[in-house]
Amino acid sequence: MTPAFSLRPAAEADFEALLDLSIRVMRAHLERLGRYDPARRRARMRAAFEGGGMRVIEVQGLAAGCIGIEPGPEGVELHSLYLEPTLQGRGLGAAVVADVLARHAGAAFRIEVLKQSPARRFWERQGFLLVGEQPYDWLLARPASGLSPAP
């Protein structure tokens, strides 16, 4: 059963806990690519926070994860979907993404996914398509209603 959740804007007080979560979720994948660097992880999470779109996913009043949502002129950029490992694989991530998609109905969406990460399959199940590739990331998109994804 998918736990009920809510989203709230992240506050500075959330930074260290969400940084820790991102490390616990991403470290093994980054190490496989030779890309794990604690200072770089901190800088990337700081940049995500400063974008203003970071949301905390709460389950029963407790932080269970986060997602970055950055609306722009060409659609909505998603990033930083991290869930507590004990909550992964139970439908929470899909429910959060469905909620975000509904809140931005009709918009195009984009996300970068680390290569060799199982997250690509998750995003494809949410209707995202591979549209490009960078040295360490896949670029996935979910087109706006009636449109094809652009690379």
Protein backbone atom coordinates (compact mmCIF):
# COMPACT_ATOMS: atom_id res chain seq x y z
CA MET A 1 0.00 0.00 0.00
CA THR A 2 1.29 3.45 -0.94
CA PRO A 3 1.65 5.66 2.13
CA ALA A 4 -0.21 8.99 2.17
CA PHE A 5 2.13 11.93 1.69
CA SER A 6 2.28 15.69 1.46
CA LEU A 7 4.75 18.09 -0.13
CA ARG A 8 6.07 21.23 1.50
CA PRO A 9 8.76 23.73 0.49
CA ALA A 10 12.17 22.77 1.82
CA ALA A 11 13.67 25.07 4.43
CA GLU A 12 17.33 25.64 5.22
CA ALA A 13 16.84 23.49 8.32
CA ASP A 14 16.14 20.53 5.97
CA PHE A 15 19.41 20.83 4.06
CA GLU A 16 21.72 18.53 6.04
CA ALA A 17 19.13 15.74 6.39
CA LEU A 18 18.30 15.85 2.68
CA LEU A 19 21.99 15.97 1.74
CA ASP A 20 22.52 12.87 3.89
CA LEU A 21 19.57 11.16 2.19
CA SER A 22 20.92 12.01 -1.27
CA ILE A 23 24.28 10.49 -0.33
CA ARG A 24 22.69 7.32 1.04
CA VAL A 25 20.60 6.95 -2.13
CA MET A 26 23.21 7.95 -4.73
CA ARG A 27 26.61 6.98 -3.36
CA ALA A 28 26.83 3.43 -4.72
CA HIS A 29 25.67 4.55 -8.17
CA LEU A 30 28.13 7.45 -8.23
CA GLU A 31 30.98 5.22 -7.04
CA ARG A 32 30.31 2.77 -9.91
CA LEU A 33 30.94 5.68 -12.31
CA GLY A 34 33.92 6.96 -10.36
CA ARG A 35 31.96 10.16 -9.62
CA TYR A 36 31.42 10.10 -5.86
CA ASP A 37 32.91 13.18 -4.25
CA PRO A 38 31.40 14.44 -0.97
CA ALA A 39 32.23 18.08 -1.76
CA ARG A 40 30.65 17.82 -5.22
CA ARG A 41 27.54 16.11 -3.78
CA ARG A 42 27.18 18.95 -1.24
CA ALA A 43 27.62 21.59 -3.95
CA ARG A 44 25.04 19.94 -6.22
CA MET A 45 22.52 19.66 -3.39
CA ARG A 46 23.19 23.28 -2.40
CA ALA A 47 22.52 24.37 -5.99
CA ALA A 48 19.30 22.35 -6.01
CA PHE A 49 18.22 24.04 -2.77
CA GLU A 50 19.04 27.51 -4.04
CA GLY A 51 16.87 27.00 -7.11
CA GLY A 52 13.86 27.33 -4.80
CA GLY A 53 11.95 24.36 -6.11
CA MET A 54 12.98 21.75 -3.57
CA ARG A 55 10.03 20.09 -1.82
CA VAL A 56 10.13 17.79 1.19
CA ILE A 57 7.99 14.66 0.93
CA GLU A 58 6.37 14.00 4.28
CA VAL A 59 4.73 10.76 5.39
CA GLN A 60 2.90 10.84 8.71
CA GLY A 61 4.47 14.23 9.46
CA LEU A 62 8.06 12.99 8.98
CA ALA A 63 10.46 13.80 6.14
CA ALA A 64 10.54 10.77 3.86
CA GLY A 65 12.32 12.29 0.88
CA CYS A 66 12.44 15.20 -1.50
CA ILE A 67 11.86 16.25 -5.09
CA GLY A 68 13.01 19.31 -7.01
CA ILE A 69 10.40 21.01 -9.21
CA GLU A 70 11.60 23.91 -11.38
CA PRO A 71 8.94 25.31 -13.77
CA GLY A 72 10.38 27.21 -16.73
CA PRO A 73 9.36 28.56 -20.12
CA GLU A 74 9.98 25.23 -21.87
CA GLY A 75 8.41 23.01 -19.23
CA VAL A 76 9.13 21.66 -15.78
CA GLU A 77 12.59 20.44 -14.84
CA LEU A 78 12.47 17.71 -12.20
CA HIS A 79 15.46 16.69 -10.12
CA SER A 80 16.54 15.29 -6.78
CA LEU A 81 13.84 12.68 -6.23
CA TYR A 82 15.26 10.86 -3.22
CA LEU A 83 13.25 8.59 -0.92
CA GLU A 84 14.26 6.89 2.28
CA PRO A 85 15.42 3.41 1.22
CA THR A 86 12.82 1.73 3.47
CA LEU A 87 10.07 3.50 1.49
CA GLN A 88 11.38 2.71 -1.97
CA GLY A 89 9.53 0.20 -4.13
CA ARG A 90 6.19 0.78 -2.40
CA GLY A 91 4.61 3.23 -4.86
CA LEU A 92 5.46 6.41 -3.00
CA GLY A 93 7.76 7.78 -5.71
CA ALA A 94 5.19 7.09 -8.43
CA ALA A 95 2.47 8.74 -6.33
CA VAL A 96 4.64 11.83 -5.79
CA VAL A 97 5.44 12.09 -9.51
CA ALA A 98 1.74 11.64 -10.42
CA ASP A 99 0.89 14.46 -8.00
CA VAL A 100 3.51 16.76 -9.52
CA LEU A 101 2.37 15.92 -13.07
CA ALA A 102 -1.23 16.72 -12.10
CA ARG A 103 -0.22 20.04 -10.52
CA HIS A 104 1.43 21.02 -13.81
CA ALA A 105 -1.12 19.46 -16.17
CA GLY A 106 -0.28 19.90 -19.84
CA ALA A 107 3.36 20.88 -19.22
CA ALA A 108 6.38 19.16 -20.69
CA PHE A 109 8.79 17.63 -18.15
CA ARG A 110 12.50 16.86 -18.22
CA ILE A 111 14.87 15.04 -15.89
CA GLU A 112 18.51 13.96 -15.96
CA VAL A 113 19.13 10.44 -14.68
CA LEU A 114 22.53 9.13 -13.69
CA LYS A 115 23.71 6.40 -16.05
CA GLN A 116 23.72 2.88 -14.62
CA SER A 117 21.05 3.93 -12.14
CA PRO A 118 17.89 1.85 -11.87
CA ALA A 119 16.01 5.17 -11.75
CA ARG A 120 15.79 5.22 -15.55
CA ARG A 121 13.30 2.33 -15.49
CA PHE A 122 11.27 4.17 -12.83
CA TRP A 123 11.03 7.32 -14.97
CA GLU A 124 10.14 5.33 -18.09
CA ARG A 125 7.26 3.75 -16.17
CA GLN A 126 6.08 7.31 -15.42
CA GLY A 127 5.86 8.06 -19.15
CA PHE A 128 9.29 9.63 -19.68
CA LEU A 129 11.26 8.83 -22.84
CA LEU A 130 15.00 8.85 -23.49
CA VAL A 131 15.74 11.96 -25.58
CA GLY A 132 19.47 12.45 -25.11
CA GLU A 133 22.66 11.48 -23.39
CA GLN A 134 25.51 13.26 -21.64
CA PRO A 135 28.76 11.71 -20.44
CA TYR A 136 27.28 10.67 -17.07
CA ASP A 137 23.52 11.20 -17.46
CA TRP A 138 20.59 10.18 -19.58
CA LEU A 139 18.14 12.93 -20.53
CA LEU A 140 14.51 11.91 -20.28
CA ALA A 141 11.42 13.88 -21.15
CA ARG A 142 7.68 13.59 -20.88
CA PRO A 143 6.11 15.68 -23.62
CA ALA A 144 3.38 18.21 -23.09
CA SER A 145 -0.03 16.91 -24.07
CA GLY A 146 -0.06 16.17 -27.80
CA LEU A 147 3.62 17.01 -28.39
CA SER A 148 6.67 14.89 -29.05
CA PRO A 149 9.66 15.25 -26.72
CA ALA A 150 12.48 17.46 -27.95
CA PRO A 151 16.12 16.48 -27.41
